[in-house]
Amino acid sequence: MRTEIRSAVHNINSRDGYERIWGEGIPEISEAVKEMLKDWLEADEFGKIKLFFMGTCDYSEERSEYLIRELIRGNI
């Protein structure tokens, strides 16, 4: 018989647990940068967004992809 073990949710804002794994969450982003990211998102310029996070912000590829996903979900 298998017993399912569920751990307590440490961050209810994260549906998939990725934020809990990183422990860093979503960084503070200025309104000007949010507008720039929104424009790129509307133009489907995901490569530019990823390069911004990896180059300008110096985030890892995985964290950049996580932030893009949260941007698409509307959490940023």
PDB file of N, CA and C in Angstrom:
ATOM      1  N   MET A   1       0.836  -1.176   0.000  1.00  0.00           N
ATOM      2  CA  MET A   1       0.000   0.000   0.000  1.00  0.00           C
ATOM      3  C   MET A   1       0.879   1.237   0.000  1.00  0.00           C
ATOM      4  N   ARG A   2       0.597   2.173  -0.946  1.00  0.00           N
ATOM      5  CA  ARG A   2       1.372   3.410  -1.033  1.00  0.00           C
ATOM      6  C   ARG A   2       0.715   4.514  -0.232  1.00  0.00           C
ATOM      7  N   THR A   3       1.527   5.235   0.479  1.00  0.00           N
ATOM      8  CA  THR A   3       1.032   6.375   1.239  1.00  0.00           C
ATOM      9  C   THR A   3       1.553   7.644   0.588  1.00  0.00           C
ATOM     10  N   GLU A   4       0.656   8.552   0.292  1.00  0.00           N
ATOM     11  CA  GLU A   4       1.063   9.812  -0.319  1.00  0.00           C
ATOM     12  C   GLU A   4       1.472  10.779   0.774  1.00  0.00           C
ATOM     13  N   ILE A   5       2.647  11.342   0.626  1.00  0.00           N
ATOM     14  CA  ILE A   5       3.145  12.306   1.601  1.00  0.00           C
ATOM     15  C   ILE A   5       3.126  13.675   0.941  1.00  0.00           C
ATOM     16  N   ARG A   6       2.431  14.590   1.539  1.00  0.00           N
ATOM     17  CA  ARG A   6       2.364  15.951   1.010  1.00  0.00           C
ATOM     18  C   ARG A   6       3.056  16.898   1.977  1.00  0.00           C
ATOM     19  N   SER A   7       3.947  17.704   1.421  1.00  0.00           N
ATOM     20  CA  SER A   7       4.608  18.694   2.271  1.00  0.00           C
ATOM     21  C   SER A   7       3.760  19.955   2.321  1.00  0.00           C
ATOM     22  N   ALA A   8       3.960  20.714   3.345  1.00  0.00           N
ATOM     23  CA  ALA A   8       3.206  21.960   3.496  1.00  0.00           C
ATOM     24  C   ALA A   8       3.608  22.948   2.408  1.00  0.00           C
ATOM     25  N   VAL A   9       2.649  23.707   1.935  1.00  0.00           N
ATOM     26  CA  VAL A   9       2.933  24.709   0.910  1.00  0.00           C
ATOM     27  C   VAL A   9       3.509  25.940   1.591  1.00  0.00           C
ATOM     28  N   HIS A  10       4.718  26.305   1.204  1.00  0.00           N
ATOM     29  CA  HIS A  10       5.376  27.448   1.809  1.00  0.00           C
ATOM     30  C   HIS A  10       5.030  28.748   1.104  1.00  0.00           C
ATOM     31  N   ASN A  11       4.645  28.665  -0.144  1.00  0.00           N
ATOM     32  CA  ASN A  11       4.287  29.860  -0.885  1.00  0.00           C
ATOM     33  C   ASN A  11       3.044  29.557  -1.701  1.00  0.00           C
ATOM     34  N   ILE A  12       1.908  30.029  -1.242  1.00  0.00           N
ATOM     35  CA  ILE A  12       0.656  29.709  -1.921  1.00  0.00           C
ATOM     36  C   ILE A  12       0.505  30.429  -3.250  1.00  0.00           C
ATOM     37  N   ASN A  13       1.352  31.441  -3.523  1.00  0.00           N
ATOM     38  CA  ASN A  13       1.280  32.157  -4.787  1.00  0.00           C
ATOM     39  C   ASN A  13       1.904  31.368  -5.926  1.00  0.00           C
ATOM     40  N   SER A  14       2.651  30.350  -5.622  1.00  0.00           N
ATOM     41  CA  SER A  14       3.320  29.555  -6.646  1.00  0.00           C
ATOM     42  C   SER A  14       2.554  28.263  -6.844  1.00  0.00           C
ATOM     43  N   ARG A  15       1.967  28.099  -8.022  1.00  0.00           N
ATOM     44  CA  ARG A  15       1.151  26.918  -8.281  1.00  0.00           C
ATOM     45  C   ARG A  15       1.978  25.666  -8.499  1.00  0.00           C
ATOM     46  N   ASP A  16       3.213  25.820  -8.996  1.00  0.00           N
ATOM     47  CA  ASP A  16       3.998  24.640  -9.350  1.00  0.00           C
ATOM     48  C   ASP A  16       5.189  24.408  -8.434  1.00  0.00           C
ATOM     49  N   GLY A  17       5.375  25.233  -7.419  1.00  0.00           N
ATOM     50  CA  GLY A  17       6.446  25.029  -6.463  1.00  0.00           C
ATOM     51  C   GLY A  17       7.790  25.584  -6.888  1.00  0.00           C
ATOM     52  N   TYR A  18       7.895  26.097  -8.101  1.00  0.00           N
ATOM     53  CA  TYR A  18       9.189  26.568  -8.594  1.00  0.00           C
ATOM     54  C   TYR A  18       9.722  27.716  -7.751  1.00  0.00           C
ATOM     55  N   GLU A  19       8.842  28.605  -7.339  1.00  0.00           N
ATOM     56  CA  GLU A  19       9.262  29.740  -6.531  1.00  0.00           C
ATOM     57  C   GLU A  19       9.826  29.273  -5.193  1.00  0.00           C
ATOM     58  N   ARG A  20       9.234  28.238  -4.630  1.00  0.00           N
ATOM     59  CA  ARG A  20       9.733  27.707  -3.362  1.00  0.00           C
ATOM     60  C   ARG A  20      11.107  27.084  -3.541  1.00  0.00           C
ATOM     61  N   ILE A  21      11.340  26.458  -4.701  1.00  0.00           N
ATOM     62  CA  ILE A  21      12.644  25.856  -4.947  1.00  0.00           C
ATOM     63  C   ILE A  21      13.714  26.938  -5.033  1.00  0.00           C
ATOM     64  N   TRP A  22      13.426  27.998  -5.763  1.00  0.00           N
ATOM     65  CA  TRP A  22      14.423  29.065  -5.916  1.00  0.00           C
ATOM     66  C   TRP A  22      14.565  29.874  -4.647  1.00  0.00           C
ATOM     67  N   GLY A  23      13.459  30.066  -3.935  1.00  0.00           N
ATOM     68  CA  GLY A  23      13.522  30.834  -2.703  1.00  0.00           C
ATOM     69  C   GLY A  23      13.726  32.312  -2.925  1.00  0.00           C
ATOM     70  N   GLU A  24      13.727  32.747  -4.167  1.00  0.00           N
ATOM     71  CA  GLU A  24      13.970  34.154  -4.450  1.00  0.00           C
ATOM     72  C   GLU A  24      12.714  34.870  -4.924  1.00  0.00           C
ATOM     73  N   GLY A  25      11.762  34.141  -5.413  1.00  0.00           N
ATOM     74  CA  GLY A  25      10.517  34.737  -5.851  1.00  0.00           C
ATOM     75  C   GLY A  25      10.700  35.674  -7.034  1.00  0.00           C
ATOM     76  N   ILE A  26       9.762  36.563  -7.186  1.00  0.00           N
ATOM     77  CA  ILE A  26       9.783  37.520  -8.278  1.00  0.00           C
ATOM     78  C   ILE A  26      10.453  38.790  -7.786  1.00  0.00           C
ATOM     79  N   PRO A  27      11.466  39.269  -8.503  1.00  0.00           N
ATOM     80  CA  PRO A  27      12.182  40.465  -8.050  1.00  0.00           C
ATOM     81  C   PRO A  27      11.343  41.730  -8.218  1.00  0.00           C
ATOM     82  N   GLU A  28      11.743  42.787  -7.539  1.00  0.00           N
ATOM     83  CA  GLU A  28      11.107  44.097  -7.714  1.00  0.00           C
ATOM     84  C   GLU A  28      11.464  44.611  -9.096  1.00  0.00           C
ATOM     85  N   ILE A  29      10.467  45.043  -9.848  1.00  0.00           N
ATOM     86  CA  ILE A  29      10.680  45.527 -11.207  1.00  0.00           C
ATOM     87  C   ILE A  29      10.032  46.893 -11.322  1.00  0.00           C
ATOM     88  N   SER A  30      10.779  47.860 -11.863  1.00  0.00           N
ATOM     89  CA  SER A  30      10.248  49.215 -12.006  1.00  0.00           C
ATOM     90  C   SER A  30       9.130  49.240 -13.043  1.00  0.00           C
ATOM     91  N   GLU A  31       8.315  50.276 -13.000  1.00  0.00           N
ATOM     92  CA  GLU A  31       7.195  50.404 -13.936  1.00  0.00           C
ATOM     93  C   GLU A  31       7.683  50.523 -15.375  1.00  0.00           C
ATOM     94  N   ALA A  32       8.800  51.217 -15.607  1.00  0.00           N
ATOM     95  CA  ALA A  32       9.338  51.365 -16.961  1.00  0.00           C
ATOM     96  C   ALA A  32       9.753  50.012 -17.529  1.00  0.00           C
ATOM     97  N   VAL A  33      10.391  49.193 -16.701  1.00  0.00           N
ATOM     98  CA  VAL A  33      10.812  47.866 -17.155  1.00  0.00           C
ATOM     99  C   VAL A  33       9.594  46.977 -17.375  1.00  0.00           C
ATOM    100  N   LYS A  34       8.587  47.093 -16.518  1.00  0.00           N
ATOM    101  CA  LYS A  34       7.360  46.307 -16.703  1.00  0.00           C
ATOM    102  C   LYS A  34       6.709  46.647 -18.039  1.00  0.00           C
ATOM    103  N   GLU A  35       6.686  47.919 -18.389  1.00  0.00           N
ATOM    104  CA  GLU A  35       6.109  48.332 -19.671  1.00  0.00           C
ATOM    105  C   GLU A  35       6.912  47.772 -20.841  1.00  0.00           C
ATOM    106  N   MET A  36       8.253  47.807 -20.714  1.00  0.00           N
ATOM    107  CA  MET A  36       9.112  47.255 -21.762  1.00  0.00           C
ATOM    108  C   MET A  36       8.851  45.759 -21.930  1.00  0.00           C
ATOM    109  N   LEU A  37       8.781  45.032 -20.814  1.00  0.00           N
ATOM    110  CA  LEU A  37       8.521  43.597 -20.866  1.00  0.00           C
ATOM    111  C   LEU A  37       7.139  43.306 -21.435  1.00  0.00           C
ATOM    112  N   LYS A  38       6.162  44.135 -21.082  1.00  0.00           N
ATOM    113  CA  LYS A  38       4.805  43.963 -21.602  1.00  0.00           C
ATOM    114  C   LYS A  38       4.786  44.146 -23.119  1.00  0.00           C
ATOM    115  N   ASP A  39       5.498  45.167 -23.609  1.00  0.00           N
ATOM    116  CA  ASP A  39       5.571  45.389 -25.062  1.00  0.00           C
ATOM    117  C   ASP A  39       6.208  44.208 -25.772  1.00  0.00           C
ATOM    118  N   TRP A  40       7.293  43.689 -25.210  1.00  0.00           N
ATOM    119  CA  TRP A  40       7.960  42.531 -25.802  1.00  0.00           C
ATOM    120  C   TRP A  40       7.064  41.301 -25.756  1.00  0.00           C
ATOM    121  N   LEU A  41       6.322  41.147 -24.662  1.00  0.00           N
ATOM    122  CA  LEU A  41       5.424  40.006 -24.527  1.00  0.00           C
ATOM    123  C   LEU A  41       4.323  40.068 -25.592  1.00  0.00           C
ATOM    124  N   GLU A  42       3.757  41.252 -25.807  1.00  0.00           N
ATOM    125  CA  GLU A  42       2.700  41.405 -26.810  1.00  0.00           C
ATOM    126  C   GLU A  42       3.218  41.141 -28.222  1.00  0.00           C
ATOM    127  N   ALA A  43       4.515  41.410 -28.443  1.00  0.00           N
ATOM    128  CA  ALA A  43       5.116  41.191 -29.759  1.00  0.00           C
ATOM    129  C   ALA A  43       5.718  39.789 -29.887  1.00  0.00           C
ATOM    130  N   ASP A  44       5.500  38.948 -28.888  1.00  0.00           N
ATOM    131  CA  ASP A  44       6.062  37.588 -28.860  1.00  0.00           C
ATOM    132  C   ASP A  44       7.581  37.585 -29.000  1.00  0.00           C
ATOM    133  N   GLU A  45       8.237  38.526 -28.347  1.00  0.00           N
ATOM    134  CA  GLU A  45       9.697  38.640 -28.369  1.00  0.00           C
ATOM    135  C   GLU A  45      10.281  37.975 -27.119  1.00  0.00           C
ATOM    136  N   PHE A  46      10.039  36.677 -26.986  1.00  0.00           N
ATOM    137  CA  PHE A  46      10.491  35.961 -25.792  1.00  0.00           C
ATOM    138  C   PHE A  46      12.013  35.896 -25.707  1.00  0.00           C
ATOM    139  N   GLY A  47      12.670  35.869 -26.847  1.00  0.00           N
ATOM    140  CA  GLY A  47      14.131  35.863 -26.871  1.00  0.00           C
ATOM    141  C   GLY A  47      14.704  37.129 -26.267  1.00  0.00           C
ATOM    142  N   LYS A  48      14.105  38.274 -26.575  1.00  0.00           N
ATOM    143  CA  LYS A  48      14.560  39.544 -26.002  1.00  0.00           C
ATOM    144  C   LYS A  48      14.360  39.562 -24.493  1.00  0.00           C
ATOM    145  N   ILE A  49      13.222  39.032 -24.056  1.00  0.00           N
ATOM    146  CA  ILE A  49      12.944  38.995 -22.615  1.00  0.00           C
ATOM    147  C   ILE A  49      13.968  38.116 -21.906  1.00  0.00           C
ATOM    148  N   LYS A  50      14.246  36.960 -22.493  1.00  0.00           N
ATOM    149  CA  LYS A  50      15.210  36.037 -21.885  1.00  0.00           C
ATOM    150  C   LYS A  50      16.608  36.653 -21.860  1.00  0.00           C
ATOM    151  N   LEU A  51      17.004  37.310 -22.946  1.00  0.00           N
ATOM    152  CA  LEU A  51      18.308  37.971 -22.974  1.00  0.00           C
ATOM    153  C   LEU A  51      18.380  39.106 -21.956  1.00  0.00           C
ATOM    154  N   PHE A  52      17.283  39.809 -21.764  1.00  0.00           N
ATOM    155  CA  PHE A  52      17.250  40.868 -20.752  1.00  0.00           C
ATOM    156  C   PHE A  52      17.481  40.290 -19.360  1.00  0.00           C
ATOM    157  N   PHE A  53      16.746  39.227 -19.031  1.00  0.00           N
ATOM    158  CA  PHE A  53      16.900  38.628 -17.705  1.00  0.00           C
ATOM    159  C   PHE A  53      18.290  38.022 -17.518  1.00  0.00           C
ATOM    160  N   MET A  54      18.802  37.349 -18.551  1.00  0.00           N
ATOM    161  CA  MET A  54      20.099  36.684 -18.418  1.00  0.00           C
ATOM    162  C   MET A  54      21.263  37.672 -18.531  1.00  0.00           C
ATOM    163  N   GLY A  55      21.146  38.656 -19.406  1.00  0.00           N
ATOM    164  CA  GLY A  55      22.243  39.597 -19.624  1.00  0.00           C
ATOM    165  C   GLY A  55      22.236  40.759 -18.660  1.00  0.00           C
ATOM    166  N   THR A  56      21.168  41.533 -18.673  1.00  0.00           N
ATOM    167  CA  THR A  56      21.087  42.732 -17.844  1.00  0.00           C
ATOM    168  C   THR A  56      20.944  42.383 -16.369  1.00  0.00           C
ATOM    169  N   CYS A  57      20.067  41.435 -16.072  1.00  0.00           N
ATOM    170  CA  CYS A  57      19.796  41.083 -14.671  1.00  0.00           C
ATOM    171  C   CYS A  57      20.735  40.006 -14.137  1.00  0.00           C
ATOM    172  N   ASP A  58      21.457  39.331 -15.025  1.00  0.00           N
ATOM    173  CA  ASP A  58      22.420  38.290 -14.655  1.00  0.00           C
ATOM    174  C   ASP A  58      21.770  37.115 -13.920  1.00  0.00           C
ATOM    175  N   TYR A  59      20.565  36.735 -14.368  1.00  0.00           N
ATOM    176  CA  TYR A  59      19.896  35.560 -13.820  1.00  0.00           C
ATOM    177  C   TYR A  59      20.299  34.326 -14.626  1.00  0.00           C
ATOM    178  N   SER A  60      20.155  33.170 -14.020  1.00  0.00           N
ATOM    179  CA  SER A  60      20.437  31.925 -14.731  1.00  0.00           C
ATOM    180  C   SER A  60      19.356  31.691 -15.792  1.00  0.00           C
ATOM    181  N   GLU A  61      19.634  30.756 -16.691  1.00  0.00           N
ATOM    182  CA  GLU A  61      18.665  30.443 -17.741  1.00  0.00           C
ATOM    183  C   GLU A  61      17.362  29.914 -17.151  1.00  0.00           C
ATOM    184  N   GLU A  62      17.469  29.050 -16.151  1.00  0.00           N
ATOM    185  CA  GLU A  62      16.271  28.482 -15.530  1.00  0.00           C
ATOM    186  C   GLU A  62      15.436  29.554 -14.840  1.00  0.00           C
ATOM    187  N   ARG A  63      16.093  30.456 -14.109  1.00  0.00           N
ATOM    188  CA  ARG A  63      15.339  31.513 -13.425  1.00  0.00           C
ATOM    189  C   ARG A  63      14.721  32.462 -14.439  1.00  0.00           C
ATOM    190  N   SER A  64      15.414  32.731 -15.536  1.00  0.00           N
ATOM    191  CA  SER A  64      14.877  33.594 -16.584  1.00  0.00           C
ATOM    192  C   SER A  64      13.627  32.985 -17.196  1.00  0.00           C
ATOM    193  N   GLU A  65      13.663  31.679 -17.459  1.00  0.00           N
ATOM    194  CA  GLU A  65      12.496  30.996 -18.010  1.00  0.00           C
ATOM    195  C   GLU A  65      11.335  31.000 -17.018  1.00  0.00           C
ATOM    196  N   TYR A  66      11.646  30.860 -15.744  1.00  0.00           N
ATOM    197  CA  TYR A  66      10.616  30.935 -14.708  1.00  0.00           C
ATOM    198  C   TYR A  66       9.966  32.317 -14.719  1.00  0.00           C
ATOM    199  N   LEU A  67      10.772  33.374 -14.813  1.00  0.00           N
ATOM    200  CA  LEU A  67      10.224  34.723 -14.809  1.00  0.00           C
ATOM    201  C   LEU A  67       9.400  34.995 -16.061  1.00  0.00           C
ATOM    202  N   ILE A  68       9.810  34.445 -17.188  1.00  0.00           N
ATOM    203  CA  ILE A  68       9.014  34.585 -18.411  1.00  0.00           C
ATOM    204  C   ILE A  68       7.658  33.916 -18.224  1.00  0.00           C
ATOM    205  N   ARG A  69       7.666  32.730 -17.627  1.00  0.00           N
ATOM    206  CA  ARG A  69       6.411  32.023 -17.385  1.00  0.00           C
ATOM    207  C   ARG A  69       5.497  32.828 -16.462  1.00  0.00           C
ATOM    208  N   GLU A  70       6.064  33.422 -15.435  1.00  0.00           N
ATOM    209  CA  GLU A  70       5.266  34.236 -14.518  1.00  0.00           C
ATOM    210  C   GLU A  70       4.780  35.513 -15.196  1.00  0.00           C
ATOM    211  N   LEU A  71       5.572  36.050 -16.103  1.00  0.00           N
ATOM    212  CA  LEU A  71       5.161  37.219 -16.873  1.00  0.00           C
ATOM    213  C   LEU A  71       3.971  36.873 -17.753  1.00  0.00           C
ATOM    214  N   ILE A  72       4.015  35.731 -18.398  1.00  0.00           N
ATOM    215  CA  ILE A  72       2.916  35.279 -19.250  1.00  0.00           C
ATOM    216  C   ILE A  72       1.660  35.055 -18.405  1.00  0.00           C
ATOM    217  N   ARG A  73       1.821  34.507 -17.213  1.00  0.00           N
ATOM    218  CA  ARG A  73       0.672  34.248 -16.327  1.00  0.00           C
ATOM    219  C   ARG A  73       0.082  35.536 -15.754  1.00  0.00           C
ATOM    220  N   GLY A  74       0.824  36.636 -15.845  1.00  0.00           N
ATOM    221  CA  GLY A  74       0.341  37.904 -15.308  1.00  0.00           C
ATOM    222  C   GLY A  74       0.709  38.134 -13.858  1.00  0.00           C
ATOM    223  N   ASN A  75       1.684  37.397 -13.358  1.00  0.00           N
ATOM    224  CA  ASN A  75       2.099  37.538 -11.963  1.00  0.00           C
ATOM    225  C   ASN A  75       3.190  38.580 -11.763  1.00  0.00           C
ATOM    226  N   ILE A  76       3.661  39.166 -12.848  1.00  0.00           N
ATOM    227  CA  ILE A  76       4.684  40.221 -12.733  1.00  0.00           C
ATOM    228  C   ILE A  76       4.031  41.523 -13.117  1.00  0.00           C
TER     229      ILE A  76
END
